[in-house]
Amino acid sequence: MDALELIRQGKIKRYFRARQKLDFEGLISHITQRAVGKDLLFVEDADYLYMLKLLKELKEECDLKFLALCLLSNHLHILIKQHQKNLSDSMHDLFTRYAIYFNNKYNRIGHLFCGPFRQAACFDDYYLLAASIYIHMNPVRAGIVDHYSKYRWSSWQLYCQPGNPKSFVDSHFVLRMINEDISPAKKRYIDLLDKSGGFKAGEVTEDRKVIGKLSRWLHKNHPGVFENKQAVEAEAILAEGYTSDKALDEAIERLAGKRRLSEPGDIKARAYAVLQLKSRGFSAREIADYLDISYQTVYTVFAKEKETQKSKD
């Protein structure tokens, strides 16, 4: 049974792959891409504006919905919902067109981007909210500005400023999860942005666990943030059968400090934690580090799960 089928059955909540991309109608993804080494993607204002022009054109050409974005000097973040099975083709078109523009303009030869774009597919309301907050706070975390409102090349204005300016970015998708009335939703979102400044996190292009950690922090500290549950369910962000981050946290907390497990409940909790982290895209080595267990223990859980799946099939 492949990952896509597991997702459709609600058995995988979030999936993170660098090369094999998920691609189907209705999928919401956090896309990241960065320049080779220490090279720049954007040198002057005209470069940022050209990328925004390409994104706007791509929205129409490929029937995409952009939910949030942030362009930084050497990398970028895009939160996107697709209406067709065309994500890989769309992103390939975007980054190819920009690379041609940039290399021609600066008389540059060679690859502009470090490799395939990275995708974190969103199947959870808190993860989606965390992704948008992370994107808007990224210039602060990168040390570029001391407040998100001082950064020009992101969509924070659409989420925070009064009114409803025309834009190809649809901020209302996330805001309406918080409240159907956009004005109080914006106030709540601003509060979440300000409070998230106290959450210490690294760069998601280097540590895939960052947004998951922020998601769990939001779930723990702001459990009542989604007042408009009807809107959340209407957008199919939640689906019955998805496992919550809270449940994963509880399993990990149960295992804290326990090296050798003897109780059946603890053994089940460890297997559950291993498989949930695997479904979120973590490698065996990353799972071992995350749970502070041996590499062999992780593979033992994998092998048992494989046997269980074979017997079901």
C-alpha atoms as a PDB file:
ATOM      1  CA  MET A   1       0.000   0.000   0.000  1.00  0.00           C
ATOM      2  CA  ASP A   2       1.601   3.320  -1.038  1.00  0.00           C
ATOM      3  CA  ALA A   3       1.812   6.562   0.947  1.00  0.00           C
ATOM      4  CA  LEU A   4      -0.840   8.318  -1.128  1.00  0.00           C
ATOM      5  CA  GLU A   5      -3.404   5.607  -0.376  1.00  0.00           C
ATOM      6  CA  LEU A   6      -2.557   5.754   3.340  1.00  0.00           C
ATOM      7  CA  ILE A   7      -3.077   9.512   3.312  1.00  0.00           C
ATOM      8  CA  ARG A   8      -6.458   9.187   1.609  1.00  0.00           C
ATOM      9  CA  GLN A   9      -7.470   6.671   4.265  1.00  0.00           C
ATOM     10  CA  GLY A  10      -6.449   9.133   6.964  1.00  0.00           C
ATOM     11  CA  LYS A  11      -3.577   7.020   8.271  1.00  0.00           C
ATOM     12  CA  ILE A  12      -0.890   9.578   7.498  1.00  0.00           C
ATOM     13  CA  LYS A  13      -1.434  13.140   8.616  1.00  0.00           C
ATOM     14  CA  ARG A  14       1.602  14.830   7.149  1.00  0.00           C
ATOM     15  CA  TYR A  15       4.170  13.683   4.645  1.00  0.00           C
ATOM     16  CA  PHE A  16       7.591  15.230   3.954  1.00  0.00           C
ATOM     17  CA  ARG A  17       9.595  14.159   0.915  1.00  0.00           C
ATOM     18  CA  ALA A  18      12.406  15.914  -0.926  1.00  0.00           C
ATOM     19  CA  ARG A  19      12.376  13.962  -4.197  1.00  0.00           C
ATOM     20  CA  GLN A  20       9.189  11.902  -4.510  1.00  0.00           C
ATOM     21  CA  LYS A  21       6.477  14.552  -4.355  1.00  0.00           C
ATOM     22  CA  LEU A  22       2.845  14.082  -3.430  1.00  0.00           C
ATOM     23  CA  ASP A  23       0.711  15.570  -6.160  1.00  0.00           C
ATOM     24  CA  PHE A  24      -3.079  15.506  -6.241  1.00  0.00           C
ATOM     25  CA  GLU A  25      -6.070  17.818  -6.381  1.00  0.00           C
ATOM     26  CA  GLY A  26      -6.798  19.686  -3.132  1.00  0.00           C
ATOM     27  CA  LEU A  27      -3.371  19.092  -1.574  1.00  0.00           C
ATOM     28  CA  ILE A  28      -1.925  21.863   0.616  1.00  0.00           C
ATOM     29  CA  SER A  29       1.873  22.017   0.732  1.00  0.00           C
ATOM     30  CA  HIS A  30       4.592  24.094   2.328  1.00  0.00           C
ATOM     31  CA  ILE A  31       7.210  24.469  -0.409  1.00  0.00           C
ATOM     32  CA  THR A  32      10.789  25.519   0.314  1.00  0.00           C
ATOM     33  CA  GLN A  33      13.644  26.121  -2.089  1.00  0.00           C
ATOM     34  CA  ARG A  34      17.097  27.625  -1.648  1.00  0.00           C
ATOM     35  CA  ALA A  35      20.114  28.743  -3.650  1.00  0.00           C
ATOM     36  CA  VAL A  36      23.245  26.681  -4.162  1.00  0.00           C
ATOM     37  CA  GLY A  37      25.675  27.080  -1.263  1.00  0.00           C
ATOM     38  CA  LYS A  38      25.916  30.684  -0.143  1.00  0.00           C
ATOM     39  CA  ASP A  39      24.707  32.108  -3.464  1.00  0.00           C
ATOM     40  CA  LEU A  40      21.822  34.582  -3.596  1.00  0.00           C
ATOM     41  CA  LEU A  41      18.400  34.146  -5.185  1.00  0.00           C
ATOM     42  CA  PHE A  42      17.543  37.837  -4.959  1.00  0.00           C
ATOM     43  CA  VAL A  43      20.083  40.641  -5.292  1.00  0.00           C
ATOM     44  CA  GLU A  44      17.879  43.723  -5.707  1.00  0.00           C
ATOM     45  CA  ASP A  45      14.216  44.710  -5.489  1.00  0.00           C
ATOM     46  CA  ALA A  46      13.644  43.928  -9.155  1.00  0.00           C
ATOM     47  CA  ASP A  47      14.481  40.271  -8.500  1.00  0.00           C
ATOM     48  CA  TYR A  48      11.914  39.936  -5.722  1.00  0.00           C
ATOM     49  CA  LEU A  49       9.343  41.651  -7.940  1.00  0.00           C
ATOM     50  CA  TYR A  50      10.091  39.305 -10.819  1.00  0.00           C
ATOM     51  CA  MET A  51       9.534  36.261  -8.607  1.00  0.00           C
ATOM     52  CA  LEU A  52       6.216  37.744  -7.426  1.00  0.00           C
ATOM     53  CA  LYS A  53       5.268  38.308 -11.069  1.00  0.00           C
ATOM     54  CA  LEU A  54       6.015  34.661 -11.865  1.00  0.00           C
ATOM     55  CA  LEU A  55       3.971  33.459  -8.875  1.00  0.00           C
ATOM     56  CA  LYS A  56       1.014  35.592  -9.944  1.00  0.00           C
ATOM     57  CA  GLU A  57       1.206  34.221 -13.487  1.00  0.00           C
ATOM     58  CA  LEU A  58       1.539  30.675 -12.192  1.00  0.00           C
ATOM     59  CA  LYS A  59      -1.611  31.086 -10.114  1.00  0.00           C
ATOM     60  CA  GLU A  60      -3.630  31.667 -13.292  1.00  0.00           C
ATOM     61  CA  GLU A  61      -1.786  29.305 -15.599  1.00  0.00           C
ATOM     62  CA  CYS A  62      -1.792  26.325 -13.218  1.00  0.00           C
ATOM     63  CA  ASP A  63      -4.942  26.995 -11.156  1.00  0.00           C
ATOM     64  CA  LEU A  64      -3.064  27.325  -7.873  1.00  0.00           C
ATOM     65  CA  LYS A  65      -4.054  29.043  -4.633  1.00  0.00           C
ATOM     66  CA  PHE A  66      -1.207  30.747  -2.768  1.00  0.00           C
ATOM     67  CA  LEU A  67      -1.925  30.981   0.963  1.00  0.00           C
ATOM     68  CA  ALA A  68       1.271  32.610   2.267  1.00  0.00           C
ATOM     69  CA  LEU A  69       4.794  33.380   1.115  1.00  0.00           C
ATOM     70  CA  CYS A  70       8.143  34.792   2.134  1.00  0.00           C
ATOM     71  CA  LEU A  71      11.070  35.554  -0.155  1.00  0.00           C
ATOM     72  CA  LEU A  72      14.495  35.862   1.473  1.00  0.00           C
ATOM     73  CA  SER A  73      17.848  36.599  -0.096  1.00  0.00           C
ATOM     74  CA  ASN A  74      18.927  32.955  -0.458  1.00  0.00           C
ATOM     75  CA  HIS A  75      15.722  30.925   0.002  1.00  0.00           C
ATOM     76  CA  LEU A  76      11.939  31.114  -0.165  1.00  0.00           C
ATOM     77  CA  HIS A  77       8.784  29.685   1.396  1.00  0.00           C
ATOM     78  CA  ILE A  78       5.419  29.197  -0.325  1.00  0.00           C
ATOM     79  CA  LEU A  79       2.227  27.823   1.211  1.00  0.00           C
ATOM     80  CA  ILE A  80       0.107  26.560  -1.647  1.00  0.00           C
ATOM     81  CA  LYS A  81      -3.106  24.695  -2.426  1.00  0.00           C
ATOM     82  CA  GLN A  82      -3.428  22.991  -5.793  1.00  0.00           C
ATOM     83  CA  HIS A  83      -6.669  22.432  -7.685  1.00  0.00           C
ATOM     84  CA  GLN A  84      -5.155  20.053 -10.214  1.00  0.00           C
ATOM     85  CA  LYS A  85      -2.560  17.292 -10.209  1.00  0.00           C
ATOM     86  CA  ASN A  86       0.217  19.585 -11.376  1.00  0.00           C
ATOM     87  CA  LEU A  87       2.407  20.570  -8.415  1.00  0.00           C
ATOM     88  CA  SER A  88       5.681  19.138  -9.708  1.00  0.00           C
ATOM     89  CA  ASP A  89       5.194  20.587 -13.184  1.00  0.00           C
ATOM     90  CA  SER A  90       4.169  23.967 -11.740  1.00  0.00           C
ATOM     91  CA  MET A  91       7.169  24.252  -9.439  1.00  0.00           C
ATOM     92  CA  HIS A  92       9.544  23.037 -12.147  1.00  0.00           C
ATOM     93  CA  ASP A  93       8.184  25.743 -14.448  1.00  0.00           C
ATOM     94  CA  LEU A  94       8.499  28.416 -11.743  1.00  0.00           C
ATOM     95  CA  PHE A  95      12.064  27.674 -10.735  1.00  0.00           C
ATOM     96  CA  THR A  96      13.263  27.092 -14.304  1.00  0.00           C
ATOM     97  CA  ARG A  97      11.854  30.426 -15.479  1.00  0.00           C
ATOM     98  CA  TYR A  98      13.377  32.260 -12.544  1.00  0.00           C
ATOM     99  CA  ALA A  99      16.782  30.590 -12.969  1.00  0.00           C
ATOM    100  CA  ILE A 100      16.878  31.585 -16.658  1.00  0.00           C
ATOM    101  CA  TYR A 101      16.006  35.178 -15.724  1.00  0.00           C
ATOM    102  CA  PHE A 102      18.583  35.339 -12.916  1.00  0.00           C
ATOM    103  CA  ASN A 103      21.446  33.708 -14.830  1.00  0.00           C
ATOM    104  CA  ASN A 104      20.873  35.904 -17.875  1.00  0.00           C
ATOM    105  CA  LYS A 105      20.657  39.074 -15.794  1.00  0.00           C
ATOM    106  CA  TYR A 106      23.827  38.425 -13.803  1.00  0.00           C
ATOM    107  CA  ASN A 107      25.773  36.647 -16.547  1.00  0.00           C
ATOM    108  CA  ARG A 108      25.806  33.535 -14.398  1.00  0.00           C
ATOM    109  CA  ILE A 109      26.370  29.901 -15.462  1.00  0.00           C
ATOM    110  CA  GLY A 110      25.269  26.763 -13.637  1.00  0.00           C
ATOM    111  CA  HIS A 111      22.523  25.666 -11.278  1.00  0.00           C
ATOM    112  CA  LEU A 112      20.863  28.414  -9.280  1.00  0.00           C
ATOM    113  CA  PHE A 113      18.946  26.138  -6.893  1.00  0.00           C
ATOM    114  CA  CYS A 114      20.558  23.547  -4.626  1.00  0.00           C
ATOM    115  CA  GLY A 115      18.318  20.697  -5.817  1.00  0.00           C
ATOM    116  CA  PRO A 116      14.662  19.644  -5.959  1.00  0.00           C
ATOM    117  CA  PHE A 117      12.230  21.766  -3.999  1.00  0.00           C
ATOM    118  CA  ARG A 118      11.154  20.409  -0.618  1.00  0.00           C
ATOM    119  CA  GLN A 119       7.536  19.704   0.197  1.00  0.00           C
ATOM    120  CA  ALA A 120       5.747  19.320   3.524  1.00  0.00           C
ATOM    121  CA  ALA A 121       2.148  18.317   2.833  1.00  0.00           C
ATOM    122  CA  CYS A 122      -0.384  19.659   5.352  1.00  0.00           C
ATOM    123  CA  PHE A 123      -3.175  17.411   6.624  1.00  0.00           C
ATOM    124  CA  ASP A 124      -3.712  19.049   9.988  1.00  0.00           C
ATOM    125  CA  ASP A 125      -5.192  22.401  11.034  1.00  0.00           C
ATOM    126  CA  TYR A 126      -2.489  23.204  13.594  1.00  0.00           C
ATOM    127  CA  TYR A 127       0.277  22.241  11.171  1.00  0.00           C
ATOM    128  CA  LEU A 128      -1.184  24.523   8.500  1.00  0.00           C
ATOM    129  CA  LEU A 129      -1.434  27.417  10.969  1.00  0.00           C
ATOM    130  CA  ALA A 130       2.103  26.728  12.206  1.00  0.00           C
ATOM    131  CA  ALA A 131       3.418  26.758   8.631  1.00  0.00           C
ATOM    132  CA  SER A 132       1.889  30.182   7.934  1.00  0.00           C
ATOM    133  CA  ILE A 133       3.205  31.612  11.224  1.00  0.00           C
ATOM    134  CA  TYR A 134       6.657  30.153  10.602  1.00  0.00           C
ATOM    135  CA  ILE A 135       6.717  31.654   7.100  1.00  0.00           C
ATOM    136  CA  HIS A 136       5.853  35.147   8.358  1.00  0.00           C
ATOM    137  CA  MET A 137       8.286  34.952  11.282  1.00  0.00           C
ATOM    138  CA  ASN A 138      11.145  33.607   9.160  1.00  0.00           C
ATOM    139  CA  PRO A 139      12.828  36.998   8.531  1.00  0.00           C
ATOM    140  CA  VAL A 140      12.932  37.554  12.310  1.00  0.00           C
ATOM    141  CA  ARG A 141      14.368  34.107  12.995  1.00  0.00           C
ATOM    142  CA  ALA A 142      16.937  34.699  10.245  1.00  0.00           C
ATOM    143  CA  GLY A 143      18.049  37.921  11.975  1.00  0.00           C
ATOM    144  CA  ILE A 144      17.125  40.117   9.005  1.00  0.00           C
ATOM    145  CA  VAL A 145      14.643  42.268  10.953  1.00  0.00           C
ATOM    146  CA  ASP A 146      13.631  42.530  14.608  1.00  0.00           C
ATOM    147  CA  HIS A 147       9.893  42.427  13.833  1.00  0.00           C
ATOM    148  CA  TYR A 148       7.999  40.671  11.051  1.00  0.00           C
ATOM    149  CA  SER A 149       6.201  43.917  10.120  1.00  0.00           C
ATOM    150  CA  LYS A 150       9.511  45.452   9.018  1.00  0.00           C
ATOM    151  CA  TYR A 151      10.003  42.885   6.270  1.00  0.00           C
ATOM    152  CA  ARG A 152       8.764  43.787   2.818  1.00  0.00           C
ATOM    153  CA  TRP A 153       8.844  40.515   0.904  1.00  0.00           C
ATOM    154  CA  SER A 154       6.275  38.405   2.716  1.00  0.00           C
ATOM    155  CA  SER A 155       2.483  38.205   2.921  1.00  0.00           C
ATOM    156  CA  TRP A 156       2.237  39.343   6.562  1.00  0.00           C
ATOM    157  CA  GLN A 157       0.363  42.531   5.572  1.00  0.00           C
ATOM    158  CA  LEU A 158      -2.548  40.512   4.174  1.00  0.00           C
ATOM    159  CA  TYR A 159      -2.856  38.634   7.473  1.00  0.00           C
ATOM    160  CA  CYS A 160      -2.439  41.586   9.821  1.00  0.00           C
ATOM    161  CA  GLN A 161      -3.351  44.942   8.325  1.00  0.00           C
ATOM    162  CA  PRO A 162      -6.938  46.261   8.239  1.00  0.00           C
ATOM    163  CA  GLY A 163      -8.927  46.054   5.023  1.00  0.00           C
ATOM    164  CA  ASN A 164      -8.887  43.547   2.210  1.00  0.00           C
ATOM    165  CA  PRO A 165      -6.291  44.606  -0.381  1.00  0.00           C
ATOM    166  CA  LYS A 166      -6.386  42.847  -3.741  1.00  0.00           C
ATOM    167  CA  SER A 167      -3.707  40.175  -4.019  1.00  0.00           C
ATOM    168  CA  PHE A 168      -3.014  36.831  -5.662  1.00  0.00           C
ATOM    169  CA  VAL A 169      -2.323  35.480  -2.134  1.00  0.00           C
ATOM    170  CA  ASP A 170      -5.453  34.251  -0.342  1.00  0.00           C
ATOM    171  CA  SER A 171      -4.903  35.011   3.362  1.00  0.00           C
ATOM    172  CA  HIS A 172      -8.568  34.345   4.186  1.00  0.00           C
ATOM    173  CA  PHE A 173      -8.144  30.587   3.808  1.00  0.00           C
ATOM    174  CA  VAL A 174      -6.106  30.373   7.029  1.00  0.00           C
ATOM    175  CA  LEU A 175      -7.743  33.329   8.787  1.00  0.00           C
ATOM    176  CA  ARG A 176     -11.244  31.869   8.423  1.00  0.00           C
ATOM    177  CA  MET A 177     -10.087  28.801  10.305  1.00  0.00           C
ATOM    178  CA  ILE A 178      -9.620  31.117  13.286  1.00  0.00           C
ATOM    179  CA  ASN A 179     -12.812  33.131  12.870  1.00  0.00           C
ATOM    180  CA  GLU A 180     -15.335  33.605  10.062  1.00  0.00           C
ATOM    181  CA  ASP A 181     -15.157  37.348  10.741  1.00  0.00           C
ATOM    182  CA  ILE A 182     -11.814  38.418   9.246  1.00  0.00           C
ATOM    183  CA  SER A 183     -11.260  41.426  11.503  1.00  0.00           C
ATOM    184  CA  PRO A 184     -11.102  39.505  14.818  1.00  0.00           C
ATOM    185  CA  ALA A 185      -9.291  36.689  13.005  1.00  0.00           C
ATOM    186  CA  LYS A 186      -6.525  39.129  12.074  1.00  0.00           C
ATOM    187  CA  LYS A 187      -6.248  40.358  15.653  1.00  0.00           C
ATOM    188  CA  ARG A 188      -5.926  36.790  16.891  1.00  0.00           C
ATOM    189  CA  TYR A 189      -3.359  35.987  14.213  1.00  0.00           C
ATOM    190  CA  ILE A 190      -1.267  39.022  15.209  1.00  0.00           C
ATOM    191  CA  ASP A 191      -1.377  37.817  18.808  1.00  0.00           C
ATOM    192  CA  LEU A 192      -0.169  34.375  17.722  1.00  0.00           C
ATOM    193  CA  LEU A 193       2.646  35.884  15.667  1.00  0.00           C
ATOM    194  CA  ASP A 194       3.795  37.997  18.603  1.00  0.00           C
ATOM    195  CA  LYS A 195       3.638  35.101  21.063  1.00  0.00           C
ATOM    196  CA  SER A 196       5.393  32.712  18.694  1.00  0.00           C
ATOM    197  CA  GLY A 197       8.456  34.955  18.934  1.00  0.00           C
ATOM    198  CA  GLY A 198       9.183  33.205  22.216  1.00  0.00           C
ATOM    199  CA  PHE A 199       9.278  29.826  20.488  1.00  0.00           C
ATOM    200  CA  LYS A 200      12.880  29.015  19.637  1.00  0.00           C
ATOM    201  CA  ALA A 201      13.260  27.234  16.324  1.00  0.00           C
ATOM    202  CA  GLY A 202      15.823  26.713  13.618  1.00  0.00           C
ATOM    203  CA  GLU A 203      15.512  26.804   9.843  1.00  0.00           C
ATOM    204  CA  VAL A 204      13.104  24.294   8.303  1.00  0.00           C
ATOM    205  CA  THR A 205      15.341  23.798   5.265  1.00  0.00           C
ATOM    206  CA  GLU A 206      17.926  22.352   7.670  1.00  0.00           C
ATOM    207  CA  ASP A 207      15.671  20.731  10.285  1.00  0.00           C
ATOM    208  CA  ARG A 208      12.376  19.283   9.104  1.00  0.00           C
ATOM    209  CA  LYS A 209      11.144  18.983  12.705  1.00  0.00           C
ATOM    210  CA  VAL A 210      10.844  22.751  13.202  1.00  0.00           C
ATOM    211  CA  ILE A 211       7.269  23.324  12.033  1.00  0.00           C
ATOM    212  CA  GLY A 212       6.064  20.138  13.680  1.00  0.00           C
ATOM    213  CA  LYS A 213       7.466  21.449  16.964  1.00  0.00           C
ATOM    214  CA  LEU A 214       5.767  24.807  16.422  1.00  0.00           C
ATOM    215  CA  SER A 215       2.505  23.001  15.625  1.00  0.00           C
ATOM    216  CA  ARG A 216       2.661  21.121  18.917  1.00  0.00           C
ATOM    217  CA  TRP A 217       3.569  24.330  20.774  1.00  0.00           C
ATOM    218  CA  LEU A 218       0.477  26.016  19.332  1.00  0.00           C
ATOM    219  CA  HIS A 219      -1.696  23.029  20.193  1.00  0.00           C
ATOM    220  CA  LYS A 220      -0.450  23.040  23.783  1.00  0.00           C
ATOM    221  CA  ASN A 221      -0.521  26.797  24.406  1.00  0.00           C
ATOM    222  CA  HIS A 222      -3.492  27.838  22.249  1.00  0.00           C
ATOM    223  CA  PRO A 223      -5.931  24.901  22.267  1.00  0.00           C
ATOM    224  CA  GLY A 224      -8.971  27.086  21.480  1.00  0.00           C
ATOM    225  CA  VAL A 225      -7.541  29.023  18.558  1.00  0.00           C
ATOM    226  CA  PHE A 226      -9.912  27.573  15.952  1.00  0.00           C
ATOM    227  CA  GLU A 227     -13.253  29.173  16.769  1.00  0.00           C
ATOM    228  CA  ASN A 228     -14.671  28.495  13.325  1.00  0.00           C
ATOM    229  CA  LYS A 229     -14.601  24.712  13.317  1.00  0.00           C
ATOM    230  CA  GLN A 230     -17.236  24.571  10.585  1.00  0.00           C
ATOM    231  CA  ALA A 231     -14.911  26.377   8.185  1.00  0.00           C
ATOM    232  CA  VAL A 232     -12.033  24.062   9.055  1.00  0.00           C
ATOM    233  CA  GLU A 233     -14.095  20.986   8.322  1.00  0.00           C
ATOM    234  CA  ALA A 234     -15.543  22.526   5.170  1.00  0.00           C
ATOM    235  CA  GLU A 235     -12.040  22.963   3.763  1.00  0.00           C
ATOM    236  CA  ALA A 236     -11.279  19.298   4.522  1.00  0.00           C
ATOM    237  CA  ILE A 237      -8.235  20.202   6.579  1.00  0.00           C
ATOM    238  CA  LEU A 238      -9.461  17.816   9.247  1.00  0.00           C
ATOM    239  CA  ALA A 239     -10.518  14.291   8.415  1.00  0.00           C
ATOM    240  CA  GLU A 240     -11.686  11.486  10.642  1.00  0.00           C
ATOM    241  CA  GLY A 241      -8.940   9.012  11.377  1.00  0.00           C
ATOM    242  CA  TYR A 242      -5.999  11.421  11.368  1.00  0.00           C
ATOM    243  CA  THR A 243      -3.748  11.052  14.368  1.00  0.00           C
ATOM    244  CA  SER A 244      -3.161  14.255  16.312  1.00  0.00           C
ATOM    245  CA  ASP A 245       0.203  15.719  17.243  1.00  0.00           C
ATOM    246  CA  LYS A 246      -1.086  15.791  20.824  1.00  0.00           C
ATOM    247  CA  ALA A 247      -1.411  11.994  20.845  1.00  0.00           C
ATOM    248  CA  LEU A 248       2.127  11.666  19.520  1.00  0.00           C
ATOM    249  CA  ASP A 249       3.398  14.042  22.215  1.00  0.00           C
ATOM    250  CA  GLU A 250       1.693  11.981  24.911  1.00  0.00           C
ATOM    251  CA  ALA A 251       3.344   8.811  23.617  1.00  0.00           C
ATOM    252  CA  ILE A 252       6.776  10.451  23.553  1.00  0.00           C
ATOM    253  CA  GLU A 253       6.296  11.883  27.052  1.00  0.00           C
ATOM    254  CA  ARG A 254       5.384   8.431  28.330  1.00  0.00           C
ATOM    255  CA  LEU A 255       8.683   7.103  27.003  1.00  0.00           C
ATOM    256  CA  ALA A 256      10.850   9.940  28.336  1.00  0.00           C
ATOM    257  CA  GLY A 257      13.850   8.575  30.210  1.00  0.00           C
ATOM    258  CA  LYS A 258      12.907   4.923  29.646  1.00  0.00           C
ATOM    259  CA  ARG A 259      15.645   2.941  27.936  1.00  0.00           C
ATOM    260  CA  ARG A 260      14.479  -0.662  28.422  1.00  0.00           C
ATOM    261  CA  LEU A 261      10.769  -1.205  28.109  1.00  0.00           C
ATOM    262  CA  SER A 262       8.962  -4.060  29.802  1.00  0.00           C
ATOM    263  CA  GLU A 263       5.355  -2.912  30.095  1.00  0.00           C
ATOM    264  CA  PRO A 264       3.189  -3.724  27.018  1.00  0.00           C
ATOM    265  CA  GLY A 265       1.765  -0.205  27.079  1.00  0.00           C
ATOM    266  CA  ASP A 266       5.238   1.339  26.839  1.00  0.00           C
ATOM    267  CA  ILE A 267       6.235  -0.987  24.009  1.00  0.00           C
ATOM    268  CA  LYS A 268       3.070  -0.032  22.121  1.00  0.00           C
ATOM    269  CA  ALA A 269       3.712   3.651  22.764  1.00  0.00           C
ATOM    270  CA  ARG A 270       7.231   3.374  21.344  1.00  0.00           C
ATOM    271  CA  ALA A 271       6.047   1.533  18.222  1.00  0.00           C
ATOM    272  CA  TYR A 272       3.306   4.125  17.774  1.00  0.00           C
ATOM    273  CA  ALA A 273       5.778   7.013  18.103  1.00  0.00           C
ATOM    274  CA  VAL A 274       8.223   5.414  15.659  1.00  0.00           C
ATOM    275  CA  LEU A 275       5.567   4.801  13.009  1.00  0.00           C
ATOM    276  CA  GLN A 276       3.984   8.238  13.413  1.00  0.00           C
ATOM    277  CA  LEU A 277       7.357   9.926  12.956  1.00  0.00           C
ATOM    278  CA  LYS A 278       7.998   7.714   9.934  1.00  0.00           C
ATOM    279  CA  SER A 279       4.652   8.768   8.438  1.00  0.00           C
ATOM    280  CA  ARG A 280       5.682  12.390   8.905  1.00  0.00           C
ATOM    281  CA  GLY A 281       8.718  11.793   6.687  1.00  0.00           C
ATOM    282  CA  PHE A 282      11.486  11.235   9.250  1.00  0.00           C
ATOM    283  CA  SER A 283      14.280   8.842   8.354  1.00  0.00           C
ATOM    284  CA  ALA A 284      15.193   5.910  10.601  1.00  0.00           C
ATOM    285  CA  ARG A 285      18.271   7.784  11.831  1.00  0.00           C
ATOM    286  CA  GLU A 286      16.225  10.897  12.606  1.00  0.00           C
ATOM    287  CA  ILE A 287      13.633   8.831  14.488  1.00  0.00           C
ATOM    288  CA  ALA A 288      16.369   7.177  16.555  1.00  0.00           C
ATOM    289  CA  ASP A 289      17.825  10.572  17.446  1.00  0.00           C
ATOM    290  CA  TYR A 290      14.414  12.104  18.126  1.00  0.00           C
ATOM    291  CA  LEU A 291      13.337   9.326  20.510  1.00  0.00           C
ATOM    292  CA  ASP A 292      16.837   8.639  21.865  1.00  0.00           C
ATOM    293  CA  ILE A 293      16.689   4.963  20.923  1.00  0.00           C
ATOM    294  CA  SER A 294      18.931   2.701  18.873  1.00  0.00           C
ATOM    295  CA  TYR A 295      18.865   2.506  15.101  1.00  0.00           C
ATOM    296  CA  GLN A 296      18.195  -1.249  15.383  1.00  0.00           C
ATOM    297  CA  THR A 297      15.131  -0.640  17.569  1.00  0.00           C
ATOM    298  CA  VAL A 298      13.639   1.572  14.869  1.00  0.00           C
ATOM    299  CA  TYR A 299      14.176  -1.057  12.185  1.00  0.00           C
ATOM    300  CA  THR A 300      12.660  -3.736  14.420  1.00  0.00           C
ATOM    301  CA  VAL A 301       9.469  -1.650  14.617  1.00  0.00           C
ATOM    302  CA  PHE A 302       9.568  -1.135  10.834  1.00  0.00           C
ATOM    303  CA  ALA A 303       9.920  -4.893  10.254  1.00  0.00           C
ATOM    304  CA  LYS A 304       6.996  -5.759  12.552  1.00  0.00           C
ATOM    305  CA  GLU A 305       4.797  -3.188  10.842  1.00  0.00           C
ATOM    306  CA  LYS A 306       5.723  -4.625   7.445  1.00  0.00           C
ATOM    307  CA  GLU A 307       4.726  -8.104   8.598  1.00  0.00           C
ATOM    308  CA  THR A 308       1.427  -6.758   9.942  1.00  0.00           C
ATOM    309  CA  GLN A 309       0.677  -5.042   6.621  1.00  0.00           C
ATOM    310  CA  LYS A 310       1.445  -8.241   4.686  1.00  0.00           C
ATOM    311  CA  SER A 311      -0.971 -10.232   6.803  1.00  0.00           C
ATOM    312  CA  LYS A 312      -3.705  -7.600   6.240  1.00  0.00           C
ATOM    313  CA  ASP A 313      -3.127  -7.503   2.483  1.00  0.00           C
END
